[in-house]
């Protein structure tokens, strides 16, 4: 009977290192890809929250501007003046430019 011998393959210098780097890259690339997509998703959520806050503040600002316009109207000024016993005299109004 003949003995069969199994030959071990010998790695050349640096070949193990190259294989190690390849395995690390094959593992690291998907992990980095998932991580970056998670960061992108988180930043998109924060962006939407900020946009929502901006829209709410714009609505509040528009409402306040409308209230200011109502309070500054000539009719309102005349009403307040009459409530305090004052008269509206157009000759006393001075415009500063």
C-alpha atoms as a PDB file:
ATOM      1  CA  UNK A   1       0.000   0.000   0.000  1.00  0.00           C
ATOM      2  CA  UNK A   2       1.074   3.373  -0.801  1.00  0.00           C
ATOM      3  CA  UNK A   3       0.908   6.252   1.627  1.00  0.00           C
ATOM      4  CA  UNK A   4      -0.654   9.359   0.327  1.00  0.00           C
ATOM      5  CA  UNK A   5       0.899  12.464   1.608  1.00  0.00           C
ATOM      6  CA  UNK A   6      -0.976  15.704   1.781  1.00  0.00           C
ATOM      7  CA  UNK A   7       1.105  18.634   0.745  1.00  0.00           C
ATOM      8  CA  UNK A   8       0.578  21.818   2.619  1.00  0.00           C
ATOM      9  CA  UNK A   9       0.487  24.884   0.483  1.00  0.00           C
ATOM     10  CA  UNK A  10       3.052  27.374   1.555  1.00  0.00           C
ATOM     11  CA  UNK A  11       2.200  31.017   1.468  1.00  0.00           C
ATOM     12  CA  UNK A  12       4.671  33.396  -0.046  1.00  0.00           C
ATOM     13  CA  UNK A  13       6.023  36.356   1.850  1.00  0.00           C
ATOM     14  CA  UNK A  14       3.255  38.873   2.475  1.00  0.00           C
ATOM     15  CA  UNK A  15       0.529  36.678   0.981  1.00  0.00           C
ATOM     16  CA  UNK A  16      -1.092  36.137   4.369  1.00  0.00           C
ATOM     17  CA  UNK A  17      -1.079  39.879   4.899  1.00  0.00           C
ATOM     18  CA  UNK A  18      -2.772  40.472   1.542  1.00  0.00           C
ATOM     19  CA  UNK A  19      -5.461  37.885   2.336  1.00  0.00           C
ATOM     20  CA  UNK A  20      -5.983  39.459   5.739  1.00  0.00           C
ATOM     21  CA  UNK A  21      -6.420  42.910   4.177  1.00  0.00           C
ATOM     22  CA  UNK A  22      -8.885  41.511   1.624  1.00  0.00           C
ATOM     23  CA  UNK A  23     -10.990  39.844   4.317  1.00  0.00           C
ATOM     24  CA  UNK A  24     -10.963  43.040   6.374  1.00  0.00           C
ATOM     25  CA  UNK A  25     -12.095  45.055   3.356  1.00  0.00           C
ATOM     26  CA  UNK A  26     -14.862  42.593   2.553  1.00  0.00           C
ATOM     27  CA  UNK A  27     -16.147  42.960   6.106  1.00  0.00           C
ATOM     28  CA  UNK A  28     -15.550  46.706   6.492  1.00  0.00           C
ATOM     29  CA  UNK A  29     -17.174  47.935   3.266  1.00  0.00           C
ATOM     30  CA  UNK A  30     -20.745  46.798   4.087  1.00  0.00           C
ATOM     31  CA  UNK A  31     -20.396  47.923   7.697  1.00  0.00           C
ATOM     32  CA  UNK A  32     -19.269  51.395   6.636  1.00  0.00           C
ATOM     33  CA  UNK A  33     -22.049  51.534   4.048  1.00  0.00           C
ATOM     34  CA  UNK A  34     -24.744  50.766   6.646  1.00  0.00           C
ATOM     35  CA  UNK A  35     -23.212  53.240   9.097  1.00  0.00           C
ATOM     36  CA  UNK A  36     -23.168  56.095   6.577  1.00  0.00           C
ATOM     37  CA  UNK A  37     -26.766  55.401   5.549  1.00  0.00           C
ATOM     38  CA  UNK A  38     -27.800  55.476   9.210  1.00  0.00           C
ATOM     39  CA  UNK A  39     -26.065  58.843   9.673  1.00  0.00           C
ATOM     40  CA  UNK A  40     -27.756  60.175   6.545  1.00  0.00           C
ATOM     41  CA  UNK A  41     -31.144  58.997   7.765  1.00  0.00           C
ATOM     42  CA  UNK A  42     -30.612  60.614  11.171  1.00  0.00           C
ATOM     43  CA  UNK A  43     -29.587  63.926   9.622  1.00  0.00           C
ATOM     44  CA  UNK A  44     -32.634  63.843   7.317  1.00  0.00           C
ATOM     45  CA  UNK A  45     -34.908  63.355  10.325  1.00  0.00           C
ATOM     46  CA  UNK A  46     -33.296  66.315  12.097  1.00  0.00           C
ATOM     47  CA  UNK A  47     -33.638  68.408   8.933  1.00  0.00           C
ATOM     48  CA  UNK A  48     -37.348  67.639   8.704  1.00  0.00           C
ATOM     49  CA  UNK A  49     -37.805  68.578  12.372  1.00  0.00           C
ATOM     50  CA  UNK A  50     -36.054  71.903  11.811  1.00  0.00           C
ATOM     51  CA  UNK A  51     -38.130  72.558   8.689  1.00  0.00           C
ATOM     52  CA  UNK A  52     -41.282  71.847  10.669  1.00  0.00           C
ATOM     53  CA  UNK A  53     -40.224  74.307  13.384  1.00  0.00           C
ATOM     54  CA  UNK A  54     -39.447  76.933  10.721  1.00  0.00           C
ATOM     55  CA  UNK A  55     -42.886  76.523   9.144  1.00  0.00           C
ATOM     56  CA  UNK A  56     -44.593  76.842  12.531  1.00  0.00           C
ATOM     57  CA  UNK A  57     -42.610  79.998  13.333  1.00  0.00           C
ATOM     58  CA  UNK A  58     -43.434  81.485   9.924  1.00  0.00           C
ATOM     59  CA  UNK A  59     -47.122  80.885  10.579  1.00  0.00           C
ATOM     60  CA  UNK A  60     -46.831  82.579  13.978  1.00  0.00           C
ATOM     61  CA  UNK A  61     -44.989  85.505  12.394  1.00  0.00           C
ATOM     62  CA  UNK A  62     -47.663  85.902   9.708  1.00  0.00           C
ATOM     63  CA  UNK A  63     -50.377  85.835  12.357  1.00  0.00           C
ATOM     64  CA  UNK A  64     -48.580  88.493  14.412  1.00  0.00           C
ATOM     65  CA  UNK A  65     -48.075  90.662  11.320  1.00  0.00           C
ATOM     66  CA  UNK A  66     -51.801  90.454  10.612  1.00  0.00           C
ATOM     67  CA  UNK A  67     -52.558  91.493  14.198  1.00  0.00           C
ATOM     68  CA  UNK A  68     -50.141  94.416  13.888  1.00  0.00           C
ATOM     69  CA  UNK A  69     -51.829  95.536  10.672  1.00  0.00           C
ATOM     70  CA  UNK A  70     -55.228  95.390  12.380  1.00  0.00           C
ATOM     71  CA  UNK A  71     -54.031  97.364  15.398  1.00  0.00           C
ATOM     72  CA  UNK A  72     -52.338 100.024  13.267  1.00  0.00           C
ATOM     73  CA  UNK A  73     -55.403 100.638  11.109  1.00  0.00           C
ATOM     74  CA  UNK A  74     -56.859 104.141  11.092  1.00  0.00           C
ATOM     75  CA  UNK A  75     -60.208 102.901  12.380  1.00  0.00           C
ATOM     76  CA  UNK A  76     -58.605 101.311  15.417  1.00  0.00           C
ATOM     77  CA  UNK A  77     -56.576 104.432  16.154  1.00  0.00           C
ATOM     78  CA  UNK A  78     -59.715 106.571  15.996  1.00  0.00           C
ATOM     79  CA  UNK A  79     -61.580 104.146  18.264  1.00  0.00           C
ATOM     80  CA  UNK A  80     -58.793 104.131  20.871  1.00  0.00           C
ATOM     81  CA  UNK A  81     -58.564 107.913  20.700  1.00  0.00           C
ATOM     82  CA  UNK A  82     -62.291 108.297  21.254  1.00  0.00           C
ATOM     83  CA  UNK A  83     -62.170 105.784  24.155  1.00  0.00           C
ATOM     84  CA  UNK A  84     -59.643 107.984  25.941  1.00  0.00           C
ATOM     85  CA  UNK A  85     -61.486 111.182  25.123  1.00  0.00           C
ATOM     86  CA  UNK A  86     -59.015 112.331  22.514  1.00  0.00           C
ATOM     87  CA  UNK A  87     -59.799 113.670  19.078  1.00  0.00           C
ATOM     88  CA  UNK A  88     -58.118 112.772  15.838  1.00  0.00           C
ATOM     89  CA  UNK A  89     -56.683 115.900  14.287  1.00  0.00           C
ATOM     90  CA  UNK A  90     -54.921 115.325  11.005  1.00  0.00           C
ATOM     91  CA  UNK A  91     -53.086 118.686  11.249  1.00  0.00           C
ATOM     92  CA  UNK A  92     -51.170 117.496  14.339  1.00  0.00           C
ATOM     93  CA  UNK A  93     -49.691 114.463  12.565  1.00  0.00           C
ATOM     94  CA  UNK A  94     -46.126 114.922  11.407  1.00  0.00           C
ATOM     95  CA  UNK A  95     -44.384 112.469   9.124  1.00  0.00           C
ATOM     96  CA  UNK A  96     -40.665 111.957   9.579  1.00  0.00           C
ATOM     97  CA  UNK A  97     -38.799 110.613   6.582  1.00  0.00           C
END
